[in-house]
C-alpha atoms as a PDB file:
ATOM      1  CA  MET A   1     -13.334   4.631  73.286  1.00  0.00           C
ATOM      2  CA  ASN A   2     -10.457   2.326  72.348  1.00  0.00           C
ATOM      3  CA  ILE A   3      -8.074   4.371  70.208  1.00  0.00           C
ATOM      4  CA  TYR A   4      -6.257   1.170  69.188  1.00  0.00           C
ATOM      5  CA  GLU A   5      -9.371  -0.592  67.935  1.00  0.00           C
ATOM      6  CA  VAL A   6      -9.013  -2.067  64.457  1.00  0.00           C
ATOM      7  CA  ASN A   7     -12.228  -2.485  62.465  1.00  0.00           C
ATOM      8  CA  LYS A   8     -13.015  -4.596  59.467  1.00  0.00           C
ATOM      9  CA  ILE A   9     -13.350  -2.213  56.562  1.00  0.00           C
ATOM     10  CA  SER A  10     -16.722  -3.740  55.734  1.00  0.00           C
ATOM     11  CA  ALA A  11     -18.020  -2.425  59.061  1.00  0.00           C
ATOM     12  CA  LEU A  12     -17.068   1.105  58.025  1.00  0.00           C
ATOM     13  CA  LEU A  13     -18.404   0.888  54.473  1.00  0.00           C
ATOM     14  CA  SER A  14     -21.449  -1.351  54.356  1.00  0.00           C
ATOM     15  CA  ASP A  15     -23.917   1.193  55.789  1.00  0.00           C
ATOM     16  CA  ASN A  16     -22.309   4.264  54.234  1.00  0.00           C
ATOM     17  CA  PRO A  17     -23.898   5.296  50.918  1.00  0.00           C
ATOM     18  CA  TYR A  18     -21.136   7.687  49.936  1.00  0.00           C
ATOM     19  CA  PRO A  19     -17.642   7.772  51.464  1.00  0.00           C
ATOM     20  CA  GLY A  20     -16.487   9.153  48.094  1.00  0.00           C
ATOM     21  CA  ARG A  21     -12.958   8.164  47.129  1.00  0.00           C
ATOM     22  CA  GLY A  22     -10.900   6.134  49.593  1.00  0.00           C
ATOM     23  CA  ILE A  23      -7.314   5.025  50.219  1.00  0.00           C
ATOM     24  CA  VAL A  24      -6.199   2.155  52.464  1.00  0.00           C
ATOM     25  CA  ILE A  25      -2.524   1.495  53.234  1.00  0.00           C
ATOM     26  CA  GLY A  26      -1.162  -1.134  55.608  1.00  0.00           C
ATOM     27  CA  LYS A  27       0.567  -4.473  56.126  1.00  0.00           C
ATOM     28  CA  SER A  28      -1.055  -7.882  55.722  1.00  0.00           C
ATOM     29  CA  GLU A  29      -1.848  -9.978  58.799  1.00  0.00           C
ATOM     30  CA  ASP A  30       0.894 -12.468  57.944  1.00  0.00           C
ATOM     31  CA  ALA A  31       3.373  -9.537  57.724  1.00  0.00           C
ATOM     32  CA  LYS A  32       4.474 -10.681  54.275  1.00  0.00           C
ATOM     33  CA  SER A  33       2.951  -7.940  52.139  1.00  0.00           C
ATOM     34  CA  ALA A  34       2.683  -4.189  51.853  1.00  0.00           C
ATOM     35  CA  VAL A  35      -0.886  -3.453  50.853  1.00  0.00           C
ATOM     36  CA  PHE A  36      -2.818  -0.574  49.401  1.00  0.00           C
ATOM     37  CA  ALA A  37      -6.291  -0.131  47.974  1.00  0.00           C
ATOM     38  CA  TYR A  38      -7.924   2.776  46.174  1.00  0.00           C
ATOM     39  CA  PHE A  39     -11.576   3.074  45.237  1.00  0.00           C
ATOM     40  CA  ILE A  40     -13.667   5.724  43.525  1.00  0.00           C
ATOM     41  CA  MET A  41     -17.367   6.435  43.688  1.00  0.00           C
ATOM     42  CA  GLY A  42     -19.623   8.912  41.921  1.00  0.00           C
ATOM     43  CA  ARG A  43     -23.083  10.470  41.999  1.00  0.00           C
ATOM     44  CA  SER A  44     -23.191  12.406  38.711  1.00  0.00           C
ATOM     45  CA  GLU A  45     -23.126  10.934  35.221  1.00  0.00           C
ATOM     46  CA  ASN A  46     -19.757  12.619  34.630  1.00  0.00           C
ATOM     47  CA  SER A  47     -18.233  11.051  37.757  1.00  0.00           C
ATOM     48  CA  ARG A  48     -19.698   7.612  37.100  1.00  0.00           C
ATOM     49  CA  ASN A  49     -18.357   7.555  33.537  1.00  0.00           C
ATOM     50  CA  ARG A  50     -14.921   6.256  34.545  1.00  0.00           C
ATOM     51  CA  VAL A  51     -12.738   3.159  34.633  1.00  0.00           C
ATOM     52  CA  PHE A  52      -9.308   2.343  36.009  1.00  0.00           C
ATOM     53  CA  VAL A  53      -6.649   1.512  33.432  1.00  0.00           C
ATOM     54  CA  GLU A  54      -3.233   0.059  34.325  1.00  0.00           C
ATOM     55  CA  LYS A  55      -0.247   1.093  32.213  1.00  0.00           C
ATOM     56  CA  ASP A  56       3.376   0.219  32.983  1.00  0.00           C
ATOM     57  CA  GLY A  57       2.752  -0.156  36.718  1.00  0.00           C
ATOM     58  CA  ALA A  58       0.789   3.092  36.984  1.00  0.00           C
ATOM     59  CA  VAL A  59      -2.986   3.312  37.287  1.00  0.00           C
ATOM     60  CA  TYR A  60      -5.070   6.010  35.618  1.00  0.00           C
ATOM     61  CA  THR A  61      -8.708   7.006  35.620  1.00  0.00           C
ATOM     62  CA  GLU A  62     -10.106   7.241  32.111  1.00  0.00           C
ATOM     63  CA  PRO A  63     -13.563   7.860  30.634  1.00  0.00           C
ATOM     64  CA  HIS A  64     -15.629   4.785  29.946  1.00  0.00           C
ATOM     65  CA  ASP A  65     -17.550   6.613  27.225  1.00  0.00           C
ATOM     66  CA  TYR A  66     -15.681   9.637  25.857  1.00  0.00           C
ATOM     67  CA  SER A  67     -18.857  11.033  24.307  1.00  0.00           C
ATOM     68  CA  LYS A  68     -20.338  11.570  27.781  1.00  0.00           C
ATOM     69  CA  VAL A  69     -17.424  13.529  29.278  1.00  0.00           C
ATOM     70  CA  SER A  70     -18.582  16.991  30.386  1.00  0.00           C
ATOM     71  CA  ASP A  71     -15.612  18.074  32.544  1.00  0.00           C
ATOM     72  CA  PRO A  72     -12.438  15.958  32.704  1.00  0.00           C
ATOM     73  CA  SER A  73     -10.491  18.313  34.987  1.00  0.00           C
ATOM     74  CA  LEU A  74     -11.164  16.612  38.330  1.00  0.00           C
ATOM     75  CA  ILE A  75     -12.054  13.075  37.286  1.00  0.00           C
ATOM     76  CA  ILE A  76      -9.205  12.092  34.914  1.00  0.00           C
ATOM     77  CA  TYR A  77      -5.773  11.677  36.511  1.00  0.00           C
ATOM     78  CA  ALA A  78      -2.939   9.304  37.408  1.00  0.00           C
ATOM     79  CA  ALA A  79      -4.022   7.728  40.698  1.00  0.00           C
ATOM     80  CA  ILE A  80      -0.993   5.495  41.305  1.00  0.00           C
ATOM     81  CA  ARG A  81       2.639   6.017  40.291  1.00  0.00           C
ATOM     82  CA  GLU A  82       6.004   4.645  41.407  1.00  0.00           C
ATOM     83  CA  ILE A  83       9.385   6.311  41.636  1.00  0.00           C
ATOM     84  CA  ALA A  84      12.553   4.689  43.015  1.00  0.00           C
ATOM     85  CA  ASN A  85      11.553   2.931  46.281  1.00  0.00           C
ATOM     86  CA  LYS A  86       8.310   4.865  46.692  1.00  0.00           C
ATOM     87  CA  LEU A  87       4.731   4.265  45.637  1.00  0.00           C
ATOM     88  CA  ILE A  88       2.252   7.143  45.400  1.00  0.00           C
ATOM     89  CA  VAL A  89      -1.540   6.838  45.532  1.00  0.00           C
ATOM     90  CA  THR A  90      -3.903   9.820  45.538  1.00  0.00           C
ATOM     91  CA  ASN A  91      -7.389  10.884  44.507  1.00  0.00           C
ATOM     92  CA  GLY A  92      -6.313  13.508  41.979  1.00  0.00           C
ATOM     93  CA  ASP A  93      -3.603  15.101  39.887  1.00  0.00           C
ATOM     94  CA  GLN A  94      -1.572  15.774  43.033  1.00  0.00           C
ATOM     95  CA  THR A  95      -0.107  12.340  42.241  1.00  0.00           C
ATOM     96  CA  ASP A  96       1.994  14.115  39.624  1.00  0.00           C
ATOM     97  CA  THR A  97       2.843  16.961  42.015  1.00  0.00           C
ATOM     98  CA  ILE A  98       4.213  14.463  44.537  1.00  0.00           C
ATOM     99  CA  TYR A  99       6.007  12.485  41.826  1.00  0.00           C
ATOM    100  CA  ASP A 100       7.760  15.606  40.516  1.00  0.00           C
ATOM    101  CA  ALA A 101       8.784  16.633  44.039  1.00  0.00           C
ATOM    102  CA  LEU A 102      10.261  13.205  44.789  1.00  0.00           C
ATOM    103  CA  ALA A 103      12.083  13.203  41.452  1.00  0.00           C
ATOM    104  CA  SER A 104      13.773  16.495  42.367  1.00  0.00           C
ATOM    105  CA  GLY A 105      14.723  15.417  45.899  1.00  0.00           C
ATOM    106  CA  GLY A 106      11.680  16.789  47.716  1.00  0.00           C
ATOM    107  CA  ASP A 107       9.015  14.991  49.710  1.00  0.00           C
ATOM    108  CA  MET A 108       5.263  14.578  49.949  1.00  0.00           C
ATOM    109  CA  ARG A 109       4.786  17.358  52.490  1.00  0.00           C
ATOM    110  CA  SER A 110       6.628  19.986  50.504  1.00  0.00           C
ATOM    111  CA  ALA A 111       4.730  18.956  47.391  1.00  0.00           C
ATOM    112  CA  LEU A 112       1.302  19.141  49.000  1.00  0.00           C
ATOM    113  CA  ARG A 113       1.980  22.530  50.546  1.00  0.00           C
ATOM    114  CA  THR A 114       1.657  23.821  46.976  1.00  0.00           C
ATOM    115  CA  ARG A 115      -1.820  22.276  46.566  1.00  0.00           C
ATOM    116  CA  GLU A 116      -5.289  22.775  48.012  1.00  0.00           C
ATOM    117  CA  PHE A 117      -8.645  20.997  48.121  1.00  0.00           C
ATOM    118  CA  GLU A 118     -10.533  20.604  44.849  1.00  0.00           C
ATOM    119  CA  PRO A 119     -12.272  23.723  43.447  1.00  0.00           C
ATOM    120  CA  ASP A 120     -15.691  22.060  43.249  1.00  0.00           C
ATOM    121  CA  ALA A 121     -17.840  24.300  45.471  1.00  0.00           C
ATOM    122  CA  PRO A 122     -20.002  23.752  47.413  1.00  0.00           C
ATOM    123  CA  ASN A 123     -18.429  20.350  48.198  1.00  0.00           C
ATOM    124  CA  LEU A 124     -14.787  21.524  48.247  1.00  0.00           C
ATOM    125  CA  THR A 125     -13.655  17.905  47.997  1.00  0.00           C
ATOM    126  CA  PRO A 126     -10.518  17.104  50.013  1.00  0.00           C
ATOM    127  CA  ARG A 127      -7.372  15.847  48.336  1.00  0.00           C
ATOM    128  CA  ILE A 128      -6.250  12.597  49.967  1.00  0.00           C
ATOM    129  CA  SER A 129      -2.800  11.136  49.359  1.00  0.00           C
ATOM    130  CA  GLY A 130      -0.478   8.365  50.472  1.00  0.00           C
ATOM    131  CA  VAL A 131       3.186   7.508  49.906  1.00  0.00           C
ATOM    132  CA  MET A 132       4.701   4.130  50.751  1.00  0.00           C
ATOM    133  CA  SER A 133       8.493   4.005  51.215  1.00  0.00           C
ATOM    134  CA  PHE A 134      10.232   0.625  50.905  1.00  0.00           C
ATOM    135  CA  ALA A 135      13.629  -0.251  52.438  1.00  0.00           C
ATOM    136  CA  ASP A 136      15.375  -3.286  53.957  1.00  0.00           C
ATOM    137  CA  GLY A 137      12.502  -5.702  53.375  1.00  0.00           C
ATOM    138  CA  ASP A 138       9.928  -3.482  55.069  1.00  0.00           C
ATOM    139  CA  PHE A 139       8.125  -0.176  54.553  1.00  0.00           C
ATOM    140  CA  ASP A 140       6.543   2.794  56.239  1.00  0.00           C
ATOM    141  CA  TYR A 141       3.971   5.189  54.904  1.00  0.00           C
ATOM    142  CA  GLU A 142       2.589   8.686  55.045  1.00  0.00           C
ATOM    143  CA  MET A 143      -0.952   9.863  54.449  1.00  0.00           C
ATOM    144  CA  SER A 144      -2.400  13.331  53.999  1.00  0.00           C
ATOM    145  CA  ILE A 145      -5.653  15.202  53.579  1.00  0.00           C
ATOM    146  CA  LEU A 146      -6.020  18.770  52.318  1.00  0.00           C
ATOM    147  CA  LYS A 147      -9.397  20.269  53.139  1.00  0.00           C
ATOM    148  CA  SER A 148     -11.177  23.572  53.325  1.00  0.00           C
ATOM    149  CA  ALA A 149     -10.972  25.538  56.550  1.00  0.00           C
ATOM    150  CA  ASP A 150     -14.558  26.757  56.153  1.00  0.00           C
ATOM    151  CA  ALA A 151     -17.693  26.395  54.038  1.00  0.00           C
ATOM    152  CA  GLU A 152     -16.598  29.187  51.704  1.00  0.00           C
ATOM    153  CA  GLY A 153     -13.208  27.719  50.841  1.00  0.00           C
ATOM    154  CA  THR A 154     -11.284  30.776  52.015  1.00  0.00           C
ATOM    155  CA  ALA A 155      -8.295  28.753  53.300  1.00  0.00           C
ATOM    156  CA  CYS A 156      -6.822  25.250  53.153  1.00  0.00           C
ATOM    157  CA  ASN A 157      -5.922  23.133  56.181  1.00  0.00           C
ATOM    158  CA  ARG A 158      -3.293  20.457  55.575  1.00  0.00           C
ATOM    159  CA  TYR A 159      -2.980  17.324  57.719  1.00  0.00           C
ATOM    160  CA  PHE A 160      -0.107  14.820  57.546  1.00  0.00           C
ATOM    161  CA  TYR A 161       0.248  11.409  59.221  1.00  0.00           C
ATOM    162  CA  GLU A 162       3.274   9.108  59.414  1.00  0.00           C
ATOM    163  CA  TYR A 163       2.974   5.381  60.149  1.00  0.00           C
ATOM    164  CA  LYS A 164       5.242   2.453  60.828  1.00  0.00           C
ATOM    165  CA  ALA A 165       3.724  -0.595  59.167  1.00  0.00           C
ATOM    166  CA  LEU A 166       2.255  -3.098  61.651  1.00  0.00           C
ATOM    167  CA  ALA A 167       1.078  -6.592  60.715  1.00  0.00           C
ATOM    168  CA  GLY A 168      -2.649  -6.731  60.083  1.00  0.00           C
ATOM    169  CA  VAL A 169      -3.203  -2.997  60.488  1.00  0.00           C
ATOM    170  CA  GLY A 170      -4.064  -0.486  57.804  1.00  0.00           C
ATOM    171  CA  HIS A 171      -5.196   3.119  57.767  1.00  0.00           C
ATOM    172  CA  PHE A 172      -8.224   4.199  55.777  1.00  0.00           C
ATOM    173  CA  ILE A 173      -8.933   7.762  54.687  1.00  0.00           C
ATOM    174  CA  HIS A 174     -11.774   8.884  52.437  1.00  0.00           C
ATOM    175  CA  THR A 175     -13.029  12.152  51.056  1.00  0.00           C
ATOM    176  CA  TYR A 176     -16.471  12.335  52.674  1.00  0.00           C
ATOM    177  CA  VAL A 177     -18.174  11.318  55.899  1.00  0.00           C
ATOM    178  CA  THR A 178     -21.257  10.155  53.976  1.00  0.00           C
ATOM    179  CA  ASP A 179     -23.750  11.469  51.442  1.00  0.00           C
ATOM    180  CA  GLY A 180     -25.198  14.972  51.732  1.00  0.00           C
ATOM    181  CA  ASN A 181     -25.689  18.294  50.008  1.00  0.00           C
ATOM    182  CA  PRO A 182     -23.112  19.683  50.266  1.00  0.00           C
ATOM    183  CA  ILE A 183     -21.238  16.464  50.982  1.00  0.00           C
ATOM    184  CA  PRO A 184     -19.644  16.538  54.462  1.00  0.00           C
ATOM    185  CA  THR A 185     -15.847  16.391  54.455  1.00  0.00           C
ATOM    186  CA  PHE A 186     -13.974  13.529  56.161  1.00  0.00           C
ATOM    187  CA  GLN A 187     -13.239  14.269  59.827  1.00  0.00           C
ATOM    188  CA  GLY A 188     -10.542  13.070  62.231  1.00  0.00           C
ATOM    189  CA  GLU A 189      -7.545  10.805  61.748  1.00  0.00           C
ATOM    190  CA  PRO A 190      -7.394   7.966  59.211  1.00  0.00           C
ATOM    191  CA  GLU A 191      -9.369   4.981  60.509  1.00  0.00           C
ATOM    192  CA  ARG A 192      -7.615   1.774  61.599  1.00  0.00           C
ATOM    193  CA  VAL A 193      -8.721  -1.268  59.603  1.00  0.00           C
ATOM    194  CA  VAL A 194      -7.856  -4.960  59.418  1.00  0.00           C
ATOM    195  CA  VAL A 195      -5.697  -5.941  56.435  1.00  0.00           C
ATOM    196  CA  PRO A 196      -6.103  -9.660  55.686  1.00  0.00           C
ATOM    197  CA  SER A 197      -3.355 -11.788  54.171  1.00  0.00           C
ATOM    198  CA  ASP A 198      -5.394 -12.789  51.127  1.00  0.00           C
ATOM    199  CA  ILE A 199      -5.692 -10.236  48.324  1.00  0.00           C
ATOM    200  CA  ASP A 200      -8.913 -11.717  46.960  1.00  0.00           C
ATOM    201  CA  ALA A 201     -10.561 -11.664  50.365  1.00  0.00           C
ATOM    202  CA  PHE A 202      -9.657  -8.012  50.872  1.00  0.00           C
ATOM    203  CA  THR A 203     -10.702  -7.017  47.364  1.00  0.00           C
ATOM    204  CA  ASN A 204     -14.043  -8.780  47.744  1.00  0.00           C
ATOM    205  CA  GLU A 205     -14.640  -7.293  51.196  1.00  0.00           C
ATOM    206  CA  ILE A 206     -14.148  -3.735  49.960  1.00  0.00           C
ATOM    207  CA  TRP A 207     -16.041  -4.088  46.678  1.00  0.00           C
ATOM    208  CA  THR A 208     -19.092  -5.826  48.114  1.00  0.00           C
ATOM    209  CA  SER A 209     -19.261  -3.311  50.976  1.00  0.00           C
ATOM    210  CA  LEU A 210     -19.359  -0.249  48.707  1.00  0.00           C
ATOM    211  CA  ASN A 211     -22.773   1.147  47.830  1.00  0.00           C
ATOM    212  CA  GLU A 212     -23.993  -0.610  44.688  1.00  0.00           C
ATOM    213  CA  ASN A 213     -25.368   2.532  43.038  1.00  0.00           C
ATOM    214  CA  ASN A 214     -22.378   4.767  43.687  1.00  0.00           C
ATOM    215  CA  LYS A 215     -19.300   2.524  43.416  1.00  0.00           C
ATOM    216  CA  ILE A 216     -17.271   2.798  40.218  1.00  0.00           C
ATOM    217  CA  SER A 217     -13.833   1.189  40.454  1.00  0.00           C
ATOM    218  CA  LEU A 218     -11.432  -0.496  42.877  1.00  0.00           C
ATOM    219  CA  TYR A 219      -7.729  -1.263  42.670  1.00  0.00           C
ATOM    220  CA  VAL A 220      -5.847  -3.392  45.232  1.00  0.00           C
ATOM    221  CA  ARG A 221      -2.148  -4.297  45.259  1.00  0.00           C
ATOM    222  CA  TYR A 222      -0.134  -6.595  47.543  1.00  0.00           C
ATOM    223  CA  VAL A 223       3.669  -6.240  47.350  1.00  0.00           C
ATOM    224  CA  ASP A 224       5.686  -9.146  48.731  1.00  0.00           C
ATOM    225  CA  LEU A 225       8.233  -7.598  51.090  1.00  0.00           C
ATOM    226  CA  ALA A 226      10.789 -10.345  50.596  1.00  0.00           C
ATOM    227  CA  SER A 227      10.811 -10.470  46.803  1.00  0.00           C
ATOM    228  CA  GLY A 228       9.246  -7.167  45.771  1.00  0.00           C
ATOM    229  CA  LYS A 229       6.833  -9.049  43.537  1.00  0.00           C
ATOM    230  CA  ALA A 230       3.464  -7.331  43.226  1.00  0.00           C
ATOM    231  CA  GLU A 231       0.025  -8.867  42.774  1.00  0.00           C
ATOM    232  CA  SER A 232      -2.928  -6.674  41.856  1.00  0.00           C
ATOM    233  CA  ARG A 233      -6.695  -6.813  41.447  1.00  0.00           C
ATOM    234  CA  MET A 234      -8.735  -4.272  39.491  1.00  0.00           C
ATOM    235  CA  ILE A 235     -12.526  -4.062  39.277  1.00  0.00           C
ATOM    236  CA  ASN A 236     -14.432  -1.648  37.056  1.00  0.00           C
ATOM    237  CA  LYS A 237     -18.215  -1.473  37.293  1.00  0.00           C
ATOM    238  CA  ASN A 238     -18.120  -0.151  33.726  1.00  0.00           C
ATOM    239  CA  SER A 239     -16.260  -3.193  32.515  1.00  0.00           C
END
Protein backbone atom coordinates (compact mmCIF):
# COMPACT_ATOMS: atom_id res chain seq x y z
CA MET A 1 0.00 0.00 0.00
CA ASN A 2 1.30 3.44 -0.96
CA ILE A 3 0.46 5.77 1.91
CA TYR A 4 1.30 8.78 -0.29
CA GLU A 5 -1.06 7.81 -3.09
CA VAL A 6 -3.37 10.60 -4.20
CA ASN A 7 -6.66 9.54 -5.79
CA LYS A 8 -9.08 11.43 -7.95
CA ILE A 9 -12.11 12.09 -5.80
CA SER A 10 -14.31 10.60 -8.51
CA ALA A 11 -12.61 7.25 -7.90
CA LEU A 12 -13.66 7.38 -4.25
CA LEU A 13 -17.22 8.56 -4.87
CA SER A 14 -18.53 7.13 -8.12
CA ASP A 15 -19.25 3.62 -6.79
CA ASN A 16 -20.27 4.69 -3.29
CA PRO A 17 -24.04 5.12 -2.87
CA TYR A 18 -23.81 6.94 0.44
CA PRO A 19 -20.67 8.59 1.85
CA GLY A 20 -23.05 10.96 3.67
CA ARG A 21 -21.69 14.46 4.17
CA GLY A 22 -18.14 15.21 3.04
CA ILE A 23 -15.43 17.86 3.41
CA VAL A 24 -12.40 18.32 1.14
CA ILE A 25 -9.62 20.79 1.95
CA GLY A 26 -6.40 21.28 -0.01
CA LYS A 27 -4.34 23.37 -2.41
CA SER A 28 -4.85 23.54 -6.17
CA GLU A 29 -2.36 21.85 -8.50
CA ASP A 30 -1.02 25.20 -9.69
CA ALA A 31 -0.45 26.18 -6.02
CA LYS A 32 -2.39 29.40 -6.54
CA SER A 33 -5.53 28.62 -4.55
CA ALA A 34 -6.69 27.34 -1.20
CA VAL A 35 -9.62 25.05 -1.89
CA PHE A 36 -12.45 23.52 0.04
CA ALA A 37 -15.61 21.65 -0.87
CA TYR A 38 -18.57 20.53 1.22
CA PHE A 39 -21.40 18.29 0.09
CA ILE A 40 -24.48 16.87 1.76
CA MET A 41 -26.53 13.81 0.95
CA GLY A 42 -29.72 12.36 2.40
CA ARG A 43 -31.88 9.24 2.47
CA SER A 44 -35.01 10.44 4.31
CA GLU A 45 -37.49 13.03 3.08
CA ASN A 46 -36.46 15.30 5.97
CA SER A 47 -32.77 15.11 5.03
CA ARG A 48 -33.39 15.56 1.32
CA ASN A 49 -35.52 18.66 1.90
CA ARG A 50 -32.55 21.04 2.02
CA VAL A 51 -30.63 23.63 0.02
CA PHE A 52 -27.46 25.62 0.58
CA VAL A 53 -27.91 29.38 0.93
CA GLU A 54 -25.01 31.86 0.91
CA LYS A 55 -25.29 34.95 3.09
CA ASP A 56 -22.49 37.47 3.69
CA GLY A 57 -19.73 34.94 2.99
CA ALA A 58 -21.28 32.25 5.20
CA VAL A 59 -23.15 29.21 3.91
CA TYR A 60 -26.21 27.76 5.62
CA THR A 61 -28.42 24.74 5.11
CA GLU A 62 -32.07 25.69 4.88
CA PRO A 63 -35.30 23.80 4.14
CA HIS A 64 -36.35 23.71 0.52
CA ASP A 65 -39.99 23.28 1.53
CA TYR A 66 -40.70 24.45 5.09
CA SER A 67 -43.99 22.56 5.17
CA LYS A 68 -42.10 19.25 4.98
CA VAL A 69 -39.70 19.86 7.88
CA SER A 70 -40.16 17.20 10.58
CA ASP A 71 -37.01 17.77 12.67
CA PRO A 72 -34.69 20.72 11.97
CA SER A 73 -32.27 20.03 14.83
CA LEU A 74 -29.58 18.14 12.90
CA ILE A 75 -30.17 19.27 9.33
CA ILE A 76 -30.32 23.09 9.62
CA TYR A 77 -27.06 24.83 10.53
CA ALA A 78 -24.28 27.18 9.43
CA ALA A 79 -21.88 24.97 7.46
CA ILE A 80 -19.26 27.60 6.58
CA ARG A 81 -18.19 30.70 8.51
CA GLU A 82 -15.15 32.98 8.54
CA ILE A 83 -13.46 34.78 11.39
CA ALA A 84 -10.26 36.85 11.10
CA ASN A 85 -7.80 34.78 8.99
CA LYS A 86 -9.66 31.50 9.49
CA LEU A 87 -12.35 29.68 7.56
CA ILE A 88 -14.51 27.04 9.25
CA VAL A 89 -16.42 24.26 7.47
CA THR A 90 -18.34 21.52 9.29
CA ASN A 91 -21.31 19.20 8.93
CA GLY A 92 -23.31 20.61 11.84
CA ASP A 93 -23.85 23.30 14.43
CA GLN A 94 -20.32 22.73 15.75
CA THR A 95 -19.44 25.42 13.19
CA ASP A 96 -20.78 27.91 15.73
CA THR A 97 -18.97 26.19 18.61
CA ILE A 98 -15.65 26.55 16.77
CA TYR A 99 -16.45 30.12 15.74
CA ASP A 100 -17.19 31.14 19.33
CA ALA A 101 -13.99 29.49 20.57
CA LEU A 102 -11.86 31.28 17.98
CA ALA A 103 -13.56 34.58 18.79
CA SER A 104 -12.58 34.20 22.45
CA GLY A 105 -8.97 33.18 21.73
CA GLY A 106 -9.46 29.41 21.74
CA ASP A 107 -8.94 26.88 18.99
CA MET A 108 -10.72 24.11 17.13
CA ARG A 109 -9.51 21.34 19.42
CA SER A 110 -10.65 22.98 22.62
CA ALA A 111 -14.00 23.76 21.02
CA LEU A 112 -14.62 20.22 19.80
CA ARG A 113 -13.70 18.68 23.13
CA THR A 114 -17.04 20.11 24.30
CA ARG A 115 -18.96 18.30 21.53
CA GLU A 116 -19.80 14.73 20.59
CA PHE A 117 -21.19 12.78 17.63
CA GLU A 118 -24.79 13.44 16.63
CA PRO A 119 -27.53 11.94 18.85
CA ASP A 120 -29.22 10.09 15.99
CA ALA A 121 -29.07 6.46 17.14
CA PRO A 122 -28.58 3.90 15.73
CA ASN A 123 -26.37 5.74 13.20
CA LEU A 124 -24.57 8.00 15.70
CA THR A 125 -23.40 10.19 12.83
CA PRO A 126 -19.87 11.59 13.26
CA ARG A 127 -19.24 15.31 13.39
CA ILE A 128 -16.63 16.26 10.79
CA SER A 129 -14.92 19.65 10.82
CA GLY A 130 -12.16 21.64 9.15
CA VAL A 131 -10.43 24.96 9.81
CA MET A 132 -8.21 26.70 7.28
CA SER A 133 -5.72 29.27 8.63
CA PHE A 134 -4.31 31.86 6.22
CA ALA A 135 -1.02 33.76 6.70
CA ASP A 136 1.80 35.17 4.55
CA GLY A 137 0.26 34.19 1.22
CA ASP A 138 -0.25 30.56 2.20
CA PHE A 139 -2.35 28.43 4.55
CA ASP A 140 -2.48 25.28 6.61
CA TYR A 141 -5.47 23.37 7.84
CA GLU A 142 -6.84 21.10 10.51
CA MET A 143 -9.52 18.45 10.22
CA SER A 144 -11.40 16.49 12.86
CA ILE A 145 -13.92 13.72 13.31
CA LEU A 146 -15.88 13.00 16.49
CA LYS A 147 -17.39 9.52 16.52
CA SER A 148 -18.91 7.00 18.85
CA ALA A 149 -16.59 4.60 20.64
CA ASP A 150 -19.14 1.78 20.37
CA ALA A 151 -22.50 0.83 18.87
CA GLU A 152 -24.37 2.08 21.94
CA GLY A 153 -22.90 5.58 21.94
CA THR A 154 -21.53 5.29 25.47
CA ALA A 155 -18.42 7.41 24.75
CA CYS A 156 -17.00 9.75 22.11
CA ASN A 157 -13.62 9.34 20.42
CA ARG A 158 -12.10 12.53 19.01
CA TYR A 159 -9.54 12.55 16.19
CA PHE A 160 -7.58 15.60 15.02
CA TYR A 161 -5.32 16.02 11.97
CA GLU A 162 -3.02 18.90 11.04
CA TYR A 163 -1.81 19.49 7.47
CA LYS A 164 0.59 21.74 5.65
CA ALA A 165 -0.95 22.62 2.30
CA LEU A 166 0.77 20.91 -0.65
CA ALA A 167 0.10 21.75 -4.30
CA GLY A 168 -2.44 19.42 -5.87
CA VAL A 169 -3.19 17.53 -2.66
CA GLY A 170 -6.36 17.64 -0.61
CA HIS A 171 -7.76 15.62 2.26
CA PHE A 172 -11.26 14.20 2.12
CA ILE A 173 -13.28 13.13 5.16
CA HIS A 174 -16.89 11.98 5.14
CA THR A 175 -19.38 10.77 7.69
CA TYR A 176 -20.00 7.22 6.46
CA VAL A 177 -18.12 4.41 4.77
CA THR A 178 -21.13 3.66 2.55
CA ASP A 179 -24.82 2.87 2.85
CA GLY A 180 -26.11 0.46 5.50
CA ASN A 181 -28.47 0.00 8.41
CA PRO A 182 -27.13 1.29 10.69
CA ILE A 183 -24.85 3.32 8.44
CA PRO A 184 -21.18 2.43 9.03
CA THR A 185 -19.06 5.29 10.39
CA PHE A 186 -16.06 6.62 8.44
CA GLN A 187 -12.84 4.76 9.30
CA GLY A 188 -9.16 5.74 9.18
CA GLU A 189 -7.44 8.99 8.29
CA PRO A 190 -8.81 11.54 5.81
CA GLU A 191 -8.23 10.31 2.25
CA ARG A 192 -5.71 12.03 -0.04
CA VAL A 193 -7.30 13.40 -3.21
CA VAL A 194 -6.21 15.38 -6.26
CA VAL A 195 -7.23 19.05 -6.23
CA PRO A 196 -7.28 20.43 -9.78
CA SER A 197 -6.55 24.06 -10.62
CA ASP A 198 -9.93 24.68 -12.25
CA ILE A 199 -12.89 25.25 -9.93
CA ASP A 200 -15.46 24.17 -12.52
CA ALA A 201 -13.62 20.94 -13.22
CA PHE A 202 -13.47 20.09 -9.52
CA THR A 203 -17.09 21.05 -8.91
CA ASN A 204 -18.25 18.95 -11.85
CA GLU A 205 -16.10 15.99 -10.82
CA ILE A 206 -17.57 15.89 -7.32
CA TRP A 207 -21.19 16.54 -8.29
CA THR A 208 -21.35 14.02 -11.13
CA SER A 209 -19.65 11.38 -8.97
CA LEU A 210 -22.18 11.62 -6.12
CA ASN A 211 -25.05 9.15 -6.15
CA GLU A 212 -27.90 10.68 -8.15
CA ASN A 213 -30.64 9.59 -5.75
CA ASN A 214 -28.94 10.67 -2.54
CA LYS A 215 -27.00 13.84 -3.39
CA ILE A 216 -28.53 17.13 -2.25
CA SER A 217 -26.11 20.06 -2.39
CA LEU A 218 -22.48 20.97 -3.07
CA TYR A 219 -20.45 24.08 -2.32
CA VAL A 220 -16.90 24.67 -3.61
CA ARG A 221 -14.66 27.69 -2.99
CA TYR A 222 -11.22 28.60 -4.39
CA VAL A 223 -9.36 31.40 -2.56
CA ASP A 224 -6.53 33.04 -4.48
CA LEU A 225 -3.54 33.02 -2.13
CA ALA A 226 -1.97 36.11 -3.64
CA SER A 227 -5.00 38.40 -3.64
CA GLY A 228 -7.38 36.75 -1.18
CA LYS A 229 -10.12 36.91 -3.79
CA ALA A 230 -12.58 34.03 -3.52
CA GLU A 231 -14.52 32.27 -6.27
CA SER A 232 -17.34 29.90 -5.38
CA ARG A 233 -19.72 27.41 -6.98
CA MET A 234 -22.95 26.21 -5.38
CA ILE A 235 -25.25 23.47 -6.67
CA ASN A 236 -28.60 22.56 -5.13
CA LYS A 237 -30.52 19.57 -6.46
CA ASN A 238 -33.63 21.30 -5.10
CA SER A 239 -32.96 24.39 -7.13
